[in-house]
Amino acid sequence: MSFLDRLRELRRQRRGHVMKCGETAEHLFEYLDDELDPQVATHLRNHLEVCAPCATRADFERAFLNAVKKASSAGEPIPDSVRRRVLQVLQEPGERGEPEEPPA
């Protein structure tokens, strides 16, 4: 771990709860839709500041949501069933070049 990475980690720890990548992924759509409790949103935002892979994913998902919203001519919210399916696909190993989990 580089000196800068260590400083970032200490800064995160000082702020309180240290959110992990999996927890960030669980709450990302709620965060992007501004539906999270403010404290949880702060922890997620802090994680995105120091975790490049999660920040990249957040940028991708934000762009995806914006594209879906623009494509919706009626301006209605995205159905929960579509949201769940998209999340499921995005979280599958190997998506967007992410490494697959090694066999147990």
PDB file of N, CA and C in Angstrom:
ATOM      1  N   MET A   1       0.853  -1.174   0.000  1.00  0.00           N
ATOM      2  CA  MET A   1       0.000   0.000   0.000  1.00  0.00           C
ATOM      3  C   MET A   1       0.898   1.236   0.000  1.00  0.00           C
ATOM      4  N   SER A   2       0.613   2.150  -0.901  1.00  0.00           N
ATOM      5  CA  SER A   2       1.423   3.363  -0.991  1.00  0.00           C
ATOM      6  C   SER A   2       1.119   4.290   0.189  1.00  0.00           C
ATOM      7  N   PHE A   3       1.985   5.253   0.376  1.00  0.00           N
ATOM      8  CA  PHE A   3       1.799   6.224   1.445  1.00  0.00           C
ATOM      9  C   PHE A   3       0.484   6.973   1.267  1.00  0.00           C
ATOM     10  N   LEU A   4       0.181   7.376   0.035  1.00  0.00           N
ATOM     11  CA  LEU A   4      -1.053   8.099  -0.237  1.00  0.00           C
ATOM     12  C   LEU A   4      -2.274   7.234   0.042  1.00  0.00           C
ATOM     13  N   ASP A   5      -2.217   5.970  -0.356  1.00  0.00           N
ATOM     14  CA  ASP A   5      -3.329   5.053  -0.087  1.00  0.00           C
ATOM     15  C   ASP A   5      -3.529   4.882   1.416  1.00  0.00           C
ATOM     16  N   ARG A   6      -2.428   4.802   2.156  1.00  0.00           N
ATOM     17  CA  ARG A   6      -2.521   4.660   3.612  1.00  0.00           C
ATOM     18  C   ARG A   6      -3.154   5.908   4.237  1.00  0.00           C
ATOM     19  N   LEU A   7      -2.782   7.083   3.749  1.00  0.00           N
ATOM     20  CA  LEU A   7      -3.399   8.315   4.253  1.00  0.00           C
ATOM     21  C   LEU A   7      -4.899   8.333   3.974  1.00  0.00           C
ATOM     22  N   ARG A   8      -5.277   7.906   2.789  1.00  0.00           N
ATOM     23  CA  ARG A   8      -6.706   7.844   2.450  1.00  0.00           C
ATOM     24  C   ARG A   8      -7.443   6.886   3.381  1.00  0.00           C
ATOM     25  N   GLU A   9      -6.846   5.736   3.640  1.00  0.00           N
ATOM     26  CA  GLU A   9      -7.453   4.745   4.521  1.00  0.00           C
ATOM     27  C   GLU A   9      -7.620   5.307   5.933  1.00  0.00           C
ATOM     28  N   LEU A  10      -6.606   5.983   6.437  1.00  0.00           N
ATOM     29  CA  LEU A  10      -6.697   6.589   7.765  1.00  0.00           C
ATOM     30  C   LEU A  10      -7.794   7.650   7.813  1.00  0.00           C
ATOM     31  N   ARG A  11      -7.915   8.409   6.736  1.00  0.00           N
ATOM     32  CA  ARG A  11      -8.961   9.433   6.647  1.00  0.00           C
ATOM     33  C   ARG A  11     -10.349   8.787   6.688  1.00  0.00           C
ATOM     34  N   ARG A  12     -10.503   7.702   5.963  1.00  0.00           N
ATOM     35  CA  ARG A  12     -11.782   6.978   5.969  1.00  0.00           C
ATOM     36  C   ARG A  12     -12.098   6.457   7.353  1.00  0.00           C
ATOM     37  N   GLN A  13     -11.119   5.871   8.013  1.00  0.00           N
ATOM     38  CA  GLN A  13     -11.337   5.317   9.342  1.00  0.00           C
ATOM     39  C   GLN A  13     -11.709   6.407  10.333  1.00  0.00           C
ATOM     40  N   ARG A  14     -11.100   7.564  10.204  1.00  0.00           N
ATOM     41  CA  ARG A  14     -11.378   8.677  11.101  1.00  0.00           C
ATOM     42  C   ARG A  14     -12.826   9.146  10.942  1.00  0.00           C
ATOM     43  N   ARG A  15     -13.369   9.013   9.758  1.00  0.00           N
ATOM     44  CA  ARG A  15     -14.739   9.454   9.503  1.00  0.00           C
ATOM     45  C   ARG A  15     -15.773   8.503  10.110  1.00  0.00           C
ATOM     46  N   GLY A  16     -15.364   7.371  10.611  1.00  0.00           N
ATOM     47  CA  GLY A  16     -16.308   6.436  11.217  1.00  0.00           C
ATOM     48  C   GLY A  16     -16.404   5.166  10.403  1.00  0.00           C
ATOM     49  N   HIS A  17     -17.614   4.785  10.094  1.00  0.00           N
ATOM     50  CA  HIS A  17     -17.876   3.539   9.386  1.00  0.00           C
ATOM     51  C   HIS A  17     -17.094   3.469   8.078  1.00  0.00           C
ATOM     52  N   VAL A  18     -16.403   2.356   7.872  1.00  0.00           N
ATOM     53  CA  VAL A  18     -15.666   2.152   6.629  1.00  0.00           C
ATOM     54  C   VAL A  18     -16.489   1.197   5.765  1.00  0.00           C
ATOM     55  N   MET A  19     -17.063   1.729   4.713  1.00  0.00           N
ATOM     56  CA  MET A  19     -17.902   0.933   3.829  1.00  0.00           C
ATOM     57  C   MET A  19     -17.031   0.091   2.910  1.00  0.00           C
ATOM     58  N   LYS A  20     -17.394  -1.162   2.755  1.00  0.00           N
ATOM     59  CA  LYS A  20     -16.690  -2.086   1.870  1.00  0.00           C
ATOM     60  C   LYS A  20     -17.321  -2.036   0.480  1.00  0.00           C
ATOM     61  N   CYS A  21     -16.596  -2.571  -0.496  1.00  0.00           N
ATOM     62  CA  CYS A  21     -17.062  -2.540  -1.894  1.00  0.00           C
ATOM     63  C   CYS A  21     -18.418  -3.231  -2.066  1.00  0.00           C
ATOM     64  N   GLY A  22     -18.612  -4.376  -1.423  1.00  0.00           N
ATOM     65  CA  GLY A  22     -19.882  -5.092  -1.555  1.00  0.00           C
ATOM     66  C   GLY A  22     -21.056  -4.289  -1.030  1.00  0.00           C
ATOM     67  N   GLU A  23     -20.843  -3.619   0.092  1.00  0.00           N
ATOM     68  CA  GLU A  23     -21.886  -2.786   0.673  1.00  0.00           C
ATOM     69  C   GLU A  23     -22.174  -1.588  -0.229  1.00  0.00           C
ATOM     70  N   THR A  24     -21.127  -1.049  -0.836  1.00  0.00           N
ATOM     71  CA  THR A  24     -21.289   0.058  -1.775  1.00  0.00           C
ATOM     72  C   THR A  24     -22.149  -0.383  -2.954  1.00  0.00           C
ATOM     73  N   ALA A  25     -21.854  -1.563  -3.501  1.00  0.00           N
ATOM     74  CA  ALA A  25     -22.618  -2.075  -4.639  1.00  0.00           C
ATOM     75  C   ALA A  25     -24.088  -2.280  -4.279  1.00  0.00           C
ATOM     76  N   GLU A  26     -24.348  -2.753  -3.058  1.00  0.00           N
ATOM     77  CA  GLU A  26     -25.728  -2.985  -2.615  1.00  0.00           C
ATOM     78  C   GLU A  26     -26.552  -1.702  -2.604  1.00  0.00           C
ATOM     79  N   HIS A  27     -25.930  -0.602  -2.260  1.00  0.00           N
ATOM     80  CA  HIS A  27     -26.656   0.659  -2.073  1.00  0.00           C
ATOM     81  C   HIS A  27     -26.471   1.653  -3.214  1.00  0.00           C
ATOM     82  N   LEU A  28     -25.770   1.266  -4.251  1.00  0.00           N
ATOM     83  CA  LEU A  28     -25.396   2.232  -5.280  1.00  0.00           C
ATOM     84  C   LEU A  28     -26.590   2.863  -5.990  1.00  0.00           C
ATOM     85  N   PHE A  29     -27.581   2.058  -6.392  1.00  0.00           N
ATOM     86  CA  PHE A  29     -28.726   2.637  -7.098  1.00  0.00           C
ATOM     87  C   PHE A  29     -29.536   3.541  -6.181  1.00  0.00           C
ATOM     88  N   GLU A  30     -29.663   3.157  -4.926  1.00  0.00           N
ATOM     89  CA  GLU A  30     -30.360   4.032  -3.972  1.00  0.00           C
ATOM     90  C   GLU A  30     -29.605   5.359  -3.831  1.00  0.00           C
ATOM     91  N   TYR A  31     -28.285   5.278  -3.804  1.00  0.00           N
ATOM     92  CA  TYR A  31     -27.452   6.484  -3.714  1.00  0.00           C
ATOM     93  C   TYR A  31     -27.647   7.357  -4.949  1.00  0.00           C
ATOM     94  N   LEU A  32     -27.597   6.739  -6.117  1.00  0.00           N
ATOM     95  CA  LEU A  32     -27.739   7.502  -7.362  1.00  0.00           C
ATOM     96  C   LEU A  32     -29.130   8.116  -7.501  1.00  0.00           C
ATOM     97  N   ASP A  33     -30.125   7.470  -6.887  1.00  0.00           N
ATOM     98  CA  ASP A  33     -31.490   8.008  -6.916  1.00  0.00           C
ATOM     99  C   ASP A  33     -31.773   8.926  -5.729  1.00  0.00           C
ATOM    100  N   ASP A  34     -30.745   9.205  -4.921  1.00  0.00           N
ATOM    101  CA  ASP A  34     -30.871  10.072  -3.745  1.00  0.00           C
ATOM    102  C   ASP A  34     -31.947   9.557  -2.788  1.00  0.00           C
ATOM    103  N   GLU A  35     -31.914   8.230  -2.545  1.00  0.00           N
ATOM    104  CA  GLU A  35     -32.900   7.594  -1.679  1.00  0.00           C
ATOM    105  C   GLU A  35     -32.279   7.026  -0.402  1.00  0.00           C
ATOM    106  N   LEU A  36     -31.005   7.307  -0.155  1.00  0.00           N
ATOM    107  CA  LEU A  36     -30.328   6.759   1.019  1.00  0.00           C
ATOM    108  C   LEU A  36     -30.429   7.698   2.214  1.00  0.00           C
ATOM    109  N   ASP A  37     -30.389   7.096   3.381  1.00  0.00           N
ATOM    110  CA  ASP A  37     -30.238   7.850   4.616  1.00  0.00           C
ATOM    111  C   ASP A  37     -28.983   8.711   4.469  1.00  0.00           C
ATOM    112  N   PRO A  38     -29.013   9.961   4.899  1.00  0.00           N
ATOM    113  CA  PRO A  38     -27.856  10.846   4.703  1.00  0.00           C
ATOM    114  C   PRO A  38     -26.542  10.302   5.253  1.00  0.00           C
ATOM    115  N   GLN A  39     -26.590   9.614   6.393  1.00  0.00           N
ATOM    116  CA  GLN A  39     -25.360   9.077   6.969  1.00  0.00           C
ATOM    117  C   GLN A  39     -24.787   7.958   6.092  1.00  0.00           C
ATOM    118  N   VAL A  40     -25.643   7.074   5.602  1.00  0.00           N
ATOM    119  CA  VAL A  40     -25.191   5.994   4.721  1.00  0.00           C
ATOM    120  C   VAL A  40     -24.667   6.583   3.413  1.00  0.00           C
ATOM    121  N   ALA A  41     -25.344   7.606   2.905  1.00  0.00           N
ATOM    122  CA  ALA A  41     -24.894   8.265   1.675  1.00  0.00           C
ATOM    123  C   ALA A  41     -23.505   8.861   1.863  1.00  0.00           C
ATOM    124  N   THR A  42     -23.243   9.426   3.028  1.00  0.00           N
ATOM    125  CA  THR A  42     -21.924   9.997   3.312  1.00  0.00           C
ATOM    126  C   THR A  42     -20.862   8.905   3.317  1.00  0.00           C
ATOM    127  N   HIS A  43     -21.152   7.766   3.946  1.00  0.00           N
ATOM    128  CA  HIS A  43     -20.195   6.659   3.972  1.00  0.00           C
ATOM    129  C   HIS A  43     -19.931   6.148   2.557  1.00  0.00           C
ATOM    130  N   LEU A  44     -20.978   6.044   1.758  1.00  0.00           N
ATOM    131  CA  LEU A  44     -20.814   5.570   0.384  1.00  0.00           C
ATOM    132  C   LEU A  44     -19.989   6.568  -0.426  1.00  0.00           C
ATOM    133  N   ARG A  45     -20.289   7.839  -0.285  1.00  0.00           N
ATOM    134  CA  ARG A  45     -19.543   8.881  -1.003  1.00  0.00           C
ATOM    135  C   ARG A  45     -18.063   8.862  -0.593  1.00  0.00           C
ATOM    136  N   ASN A  46     -17.798   8.669   0.698  1.00  0.00           N
ATOM    137  CA  ASN A  46     -16.415   8.577   1.173  1.00  0.00           C
ATOM    138  C   ASN A  46     -15.702   7.386   0.534  1.00  0.00           C
ATOM    139  N   HIS A  47     -16.394   6.277   0.397  1.00  0.00           N
ATOM    140  CA  HIS A  47     -15.801   5.093  -0.235  1.00  0.00           C
ATOM    141  C   HIS A  47     -15.480   5.384  -1.701  1.00  0.00           C
ATOM    142  N   LEU A  48     -16.402   6.042  -2.387  1.00  0.00           N
ATOM    143  CA  LEU A  48     -16.179   6.343  -3.802  1.00  0.00           C
ATOM    144  C   LEU A  48     -14.991   7.275  -4.005  1.00  0.00           C
ATOM    145  N   GLU A  49     -14.696   8.107  -3.011  1.00  0.00           N
ATOM    146  CA  GLU A  49     -13.550   9.024  -3.115  1.00  0.00           C
ATOM    147  C   GLU A  49     -12.213   8.289  -3.111  1.00  0.00           C
ATOM    148  N   VAL A  50     -12.167   7.123  -2.488  1.00  0.00           N
ATOM    149  CA  VAL A  50     -10.879   6.434  -2.346  1.00  0.00           C
ATOM    150  C   VAL A  50     -10.806   5.104  -3.097  1.00  0.00           C
ATOM    151  N   CYS A  51     -11.905   4.646  -3.672  1.00  0.00           N
ATOM    152  CA  CYS A  51     -11.921   3.343  -4.350  1.00  0.00           C
ATOM    153  C   CYS A  51     -12.204   3.554  -5.845  1.00  0.00           C
ATOM    154  N   ALA A  52     -11.160   3.499  -6.638  1.00  0.00           N
ATOM    155  CA  ALA A  52     -11.304   3.737  -8.081  1.00  0.00           C
ATOM    156  C   ALA A  52     -12.251   2.748  -8.760  1.00  0.00           C
ATOM    157  N   PRO A  53     -12.186   1.430  -8.458  1.00  0.00           N
ATOM    158  CA  PRO A  53     -13.118   0.513  -9.120  1.00  0.00           C
ATOM    159  C   PRO A  53     -14.586   0.832  -8.817  1.00  0.00           C
ATOM    160  N   CYS A  54     -14.892   1.161  -7.573  1.00  0.00           N
ATOM    161  CA  CYS A  54     -16.274   1.495  -7.222  1.00  0.00           C
ATOM    162  C   CYS A  54     -16.692   2.828  -7.838  1.00  0.00           C
ATOM    163  N   ALA A  55     -15.772   3.780  -7.898  1.00  0.00           N
ATOM    164  CA  ALA A  55     -16.084   5.072  -8.525  1.00  0.00           C
ATOM    165  C   ALA A  55     -16.362   4.883 -10.011  1.00  0.00           C
ATOM    166  N   THR A  56     -15.584   4.026 -10.656  1.00  0.00           N
ATOM    167  CA  THR A  56     -15.803   3.735 -12.077  1.00  0.00           C
ATOM    168  C   THR A  56     -17.165   3.091 -12.276  1.00  0.00           C
ATOM    169  N   ARG A  57     -17.507   2.147 -11.398  1.00  0.00           N
ATOM    170  CA  ARG A  57     -18.805   1.480 -11.490  1.00  0.00           C
ATOM    171  C   ARG A  57     -19.926   2.493 -11.277  1.00  0.00           C
ATOM    172  N   ALA A  58     -19.766   3.379 -10.302  1.00  0.00           N
ATOM    173  CA  ALA A  58     -20.791   4.398 -10.037  1.00  0.00           C
ATOM    174  C   ALA A  58     -20.984   5.296 -11.258  1.00  0.00           C
ATOM    175  N   ASP A  59     -19.881   5.686 -11.890  1.00  0.00           N
ATOM    176  CA  ASP A  59     -19.966   6.512 -13.099  1.00  0.00           C
ATOM    177  C   ASP A  59     -20.711   5.773 -14.207  1.00  0.00           C
ATOM    178  N   PHE A  60     -20.399   4.481 -14.379  1.00  0.00           N
ATOM    179  CA  PHE A  60     -21.063   3.673 -15.406  1.00  0.00           C
ATOM    180  C   PHE A  60     -22.555   3.579 -15.112  1.00  0.00           C
ATOM    181  N   GLU A  61     -22.895   3.258 -13.876  1.00  0.00           N
ATOM    182  CA  GLU A  61     -24.298   3.071 -13.530  1.00  0.00           C
ATOM    183  C   GLU A  61     -25.069   4.399 -13.588  1.00  0.00           C
ATOM    184  N   ARG A  62     -24.418   5.503 -13.241  1.00  0.00           N
ATOM    185  CA  ARG A  62     -25.054   6.819 -13.355  1.00  0.00           C
ATOM    186  C   ARG A  62     -25.361   7.107 -14.833  1.00  0.00           C
ATOM    187  N   ALA A  63     -24.408   6.832 -15.702  1.00  0.00           N
ATOM    188  CA  ALA A  63     -24.615   7.038 -17.139  1.00  0.00           C
ATOM    189  C   ALA A  63     -25.717   6.117 -17.662  1.00  0.00           C
ATOM    190  N   PHE A  64     -25.732   4.872 -17.180  1.00  0.00           N
ATOM    191  CA  PHE A  64     -26.761   3.921 -17.591  1.00  0.00           C
ATOM    192  C   PHE A  64     -28.147   4.435 -17.183  1.00  0.00           C
ATOM    193  N   LEU A  65     -28.285   4.852 -15.927  1.00  0.00           N
ATOM    194  CA  LEU A  65     -29.575   5.361 -15.462  1.00  0.00           C
ATOM    195  C   LEU A  65     -30.012   6.584 -16.253  1.00  0.00           C
ATOM    196  N   ASN A  66     -29.076   7.466 -16.536  1.00  0.00           N
ATOM    197  CA  ASN A  66     -29.408   8.650 -17.333  1.00  0.00           C
ATOM    198  C   ASN A  66     -29.888   8.266 -18.722  1.00  0.00           C
ATOM    199  N   ALA A  67     -29.252   7.262 -19.324  1.00  0.00           N
ATOM    200  CA  ALA A  67     -29.663   6.802 -20.658  1.00  0.00           C
ATOM    201  C   ALA A  67     -31.063   6.197 -20.611  1.00  0.00           C
ATOM    202  N   VAL A  68     -31.340   5.417 -19.579  1.00  0.00           N
ATOM    203  CA  VAL A  68     -32.670   4.800 -19.451  1.00  0.00           C
ATOM    204  C   VAL A  68     -33.727   5.881 -19.239  1.00  0.00           C
ATOM    205  N   LYS A  69     -33.421   6.856 -18.415  1.00  0.00           N
ATOM    206  CA  LYS A  69     -34.380   7.934 -18.156  1.00  0.00           C
ATOM    207  C   LYS A  69     -34.665   8.739 -19.426  1.00  0.00           C
ATOM    208  N   LYS A  70     -33.617   8.999 -20.206  1.00  0.00           N
ATOM    209  CA  LYS A  70     -33.807   9.737 -21.462  1.00  0.00           C
ATOM    210  C   LYS A  70     -34.617   8.929 -22.459  1.00  0.00           C
ATOM    211  N   ALA A  71     -34.456   7.598 -22.428  1.00  0.00           N
ATOM    212  CA  ALA A  71     -35.163   6.737 -23.375  1.00  0.00           C
ATOM    213  C   ALA A  71     -36.635   6.582 -23.023  1.00  0.00           C
ATOM    214  N   SER A  72     -36.975   6.885 -21.805  1.00  0.00           N
ATOM    215  CA  SER A  72     -38.359   6.743 -21.362  1.00  0.00           C
ATOM    216  C   SER A  72     -39.152   7.968 -21.810  1.00  0.00           C
ATOM    217  N   SER A  73     -39.914   7.800 -22.864  1.00  0.00           N
ATOM    218  CA  SER A  73     -40.660   8.940 -23.414  1.00  0.00           C
ATOM    219  C   SER A  73     -41.757   9.411 -22.469  1.00  0.00           C
ATOM    220  N   ALA A  74     -42.284   8.512 -21.644  1.00  0.00           N
ATOM    221  CA  ALA A  74     -43.353   8.894 -20.730  1.00  0.00           C
ATOM    222  C   ALA A  74     -42.802   9.534 -19.462  1.00  0.00           C
ATOM    223  N   GLY A  75     -41.492   9.408 -19.232  1.00  0.00           N
ATOM    224  CA  GLY A  75     -40.887  10.001 -18.046  1.00  0.00           C
ATOM    225  C   GLY A  75     -41.231   9.270 -16.762  1.00  0.00           C
ATOM    226  N   GLU A  76     -41.677   8.013 -16.875  1.00  0.00           N
ATOM    227  CA  GLU A  76     -42.030   7.241 -15.691  1.00  0.00           C
ATOM    228  C   GLU A  76     -40.784   6.622 -15.074  1.00  0.00           C
ATOM    229  N   PRO A  77     -40.817   6.333 -13.756  1.00  0.00           N
ATOM    230  CA  PRO A  77     -39.653   5.721 -13.108  1.00  0.00           C
ATOM    231  C   PRO A  77     -39.393   4.315 -13.641  1.00  0.00           C
ATOM    232  N   ILE A  78     -38.167   3.888 -13.498  1.00  0.00           N
ATOM    233  CA  ILE A  78     -37.783   2.547 -13.938  1.00  0.00           C
ATOM    234  C   ILE A  78     -38.483   1.527 -13.046  1.00  0.00           C
ATOM    235  N   PRO A  79     -39.167   0.530 -13.628  1.00  0.00           N
ATOM    236  CA  PRO A  79     -39.837  -0.482 -12.810  1.00  0.00           C
ATOM    237  C   PRO A  79     -38.831  -1.244 -11.941  1.00  0.00           C
ATOM    238  N   ASP A  80     -39.251  -1.594 -10.722  1.00  0.00           N
ATOM    239  CA  ASP A  80     -38.374  -2.318  -9.807  1.00  0.00           C
ATOM    240  C   ASP A  80     -37.883  -3.635 -10.407  1.00  0.00           C
ATOM    241  N   SER A  81     -38.714  -4.318 -11.190  1.00  0.00           N
ATOM    242  CA  SER A  81     -38.295  -5.591 -11.782  1.00  0.00           C
ATOM    243  C   SER A  81     -37.135  -5.385 -12.753  1.00  0.00           C
ATOM    244  N   VAL A  82     -37.158  -4.301 -13.513  1.00  0.00           N
ATOM    245  CA  VAL A  82     -36.066  -3.996 -14.440  1.00  0.00           C
ATOM    246  C   VAL A  82     -34.813  -3.631 -13.656  1.00  0.00           C
ATOM    247  N   ARG A  83     -34.977  -2.821 -12.636  1.00  0.00           N
ATOM    248  CA  ARG A  83     -33.847  -2.412 -11.802  1.00  0.00           C
ATOM    249  C   ARG A  83     -33.169  -3.633 -11.175  1.00  0.00           C
ATOM    250  N   ARG A  84     -33.967  -4.551 -10.620  1.00  0.00           N
ATOM    251  CA  ARG A  84     -33.401  -5.761  -9.993  1.00  0.00           C
ATOM    252  C   ARG A  84     -32.652  -6.609 -11.009  1.00  0.00           C
ATOM    253  N   ARG A  85     -33.198  -6.764 -12.196  1.00  0.00           N
ATOM    254  CA  ARG A  85     -32.550  -7.589 -13.230  1.00  0.00           C
ATOM    255  C   ARG A  85     -31.240  -6.954 -13.692  1.00  0.00           C
ATOM    256  N   VAL A  86     -31.243  -5.663 -13.888  1.00  0.00           N
ATOM    257  CA  VAL A  86     -30.016  -4.977 -14.307  1.00  0.00           C
ATOM    258  C   VAL A  86     -28.948  -5.116 -13.225  1.00  0.00           C
ATOM    259  N   LEU A  87     -29.337  -4.921 -11.967  1.00  0.00           N
ATOM    260  CA  LEU A  87     -28.383  -5.094 -10.862  1.00  0.00           C
ATOM    261  C   LEU A  87     -27.822  -6.506 -10.836  1.00  0.00           C
ATOM    262  N   GLN A  88     -28.692  -7.480 -11.052  1.00  0.00           N
ATOM    263  CA  GLN A  88     -28.255  -8.885 -11.048  1.00  0.00           C
ATOM    264  C   GLN A  88     -27.224  -9.128 -12.147  1.00  0.00           C
ATOM    265  N   VAL A  89     -27.480  -8.638 -13.325  1.00  0.00           N
ATOM    266  CA  VAL A  89     -26.554  -8.827 -14.445  1.00  0.00           C
ATOM    267  C   VAL A  89     -25.234  -8.106 -14.173  1.00  0.00           C
ATOM    268  N   LEU A  90     -25.316  -6.884 -13.661  1.00  0.00           N
ATOM    269  CA  LEU A  90     -24.099  -6.119 -13.407  1.00  0.00           C
ATOM    270  C   LEU A  90     -23.245  -6.723 -12.304  1.00  0.00           C
ATOM    271  N   GLN A  91     -23.858  -7.468 -11.398  1.00  0.00           N
ATOM    272  CA  GLN A  91     -23.116  -8.045 -10.283  1.00  0.00           C
ATOM    273  C   GLN A  91     -22.594  -9.447 -10.587  1.00  0.00           C
ATOM    274  N   GLU A  92     -22.928  -9.995 -11.747  1.00  0.00           N
ATOM    275  CA  GLU A  92     -22.433 -11.318 -12.110  1.00  0.00           C
ATOM    276  C   GLU A  92     -20.933 -11.250 -12.373  1.00  0.00           C
ATOM    277  N   PRO A  93     -20.176 -12.258 -11.895  1.00  0.00           N
ATOM    278  CA  PRO A  93     -18.727 -12.261 -12.123  1.00  0.00           C
ATOM    279  C   PRO A  93     -18.395 -12.191 -13.611  1.00  0.00           C
ATOM    280  N   GLY A  94     -17.329 -11.484 -13.905  1.00  0.00           N
ATOM    281  CA  GLY A  94     -16.855 -11.402 -15.283  1.00  0.00           C
ATOM    282  C   GLY A  94     -17.473 -10.288 -16.099  1.00  0.00           C
ATOM    283  N   GLU A  95     -18.471  -9.584 -15.542  1.00  0.00           N
ATOM    284  CA  GLU A  95     -19.086  -8.482 -16.284  1.00  0.00           C
ATOM    285  C   GLU A  95     -18.109  -7.314 -16.384  1.00  0.00           C
ATOM    286  N   ARG A  96     -18.097  -6.636 -17.510  1.00  0.00           N
ATOM    287  CA  ARG A  96     -17.282  -5.448 -17.762  1.00  0.00           C
ATOM    288  C   ARG A  96     -15.821  -5.665 -17.393  1.00  0.00           C
ATOM    289  N   GLY A  97     -15.304  -6.880 -17.638  1.00  0.00           N
ATOM    290  CA  GLY A  97     -13.885  -7.127 -17.437  1.00  0.00           C
ATOM    291  C   GLY A  97     -13.483  -7.381 -15.999  1.00  0.00           C
ATOM    292  N   GLU A  98     -14.460  -7.507 -15.081  1.00  0.00           N
ATOM    293  CA  GLU A  98     -14.106  -7.781 -13.700  1.00  0.00           C
ATOM    294  C   GLU A  98     -13.678  -9.242 -13.577  1.00  0.00           C
ATOM    295  N   PRO A  99     -12.696  -9.518 -12.710  1.00  0.00           N
ATOM    296  CA  PRO A  99     -12.229 -10.893 -12.561  1.00  0.00           C
ATOM    297  C   PRO A  99     -13.308 -11.780 -11.942  1.00  0.00           C
ATOM    298  N   GLU A 100     -13.335 -13.007 -12.379  1.00  0.00           N
ATOM    299  CA  GLU A 100     -14.266 -13.964 -11.803  1.00  0.00           C
ATOM    300  C   GLU A 100     -13.708 -14.472 -10.492  1.00  0.00           C
ATOM    301  N   GLU A 101     -14.615 -14.853  -9.589  1.00  0.00           N
ATOM    302  CA  GLU A 101     -14.196 -15.396  -8.309  1.00  0.00           C
ATOM    303  C   GLU A 101     -13.527 -16.755  -8.544  1.00  0.00           C
ATOM    304  N   PRO A 102     -12.409 -17.035  -7.836  1.00  0.00           N
ATOM    305  CA  PRO A 102     -11.781 -18.337  -7.989  1.00  0.00           C
ATOM    306  C   PRO A 102     -12.660 -19.425  -7.395  1.00  0.00           C
ATOM    307  N   PRO A 103     -12.583 -20.643  -7.926  1.00  0.00           N
ATOM    308  CA  PRO A 103     -13.412 -21.730  -7.384  1.00  0.00           C
ATOM    309  C   PRO A 103     -13.019 -22.019  -5.943  1.00  0.00           C
ATOM    310  N   ALA A 104     -13.991 -22.397  -5.146  1.00  0.00           N
ATOM    311  CA  ALA A 104     -13.739 -22.679  -3.725  1.00  0.00           C
ATOM    312  C   ALA A 104     -13.107 -24.045  -3.515  1.00  0.00           C
TER     313      ALA A 104
END
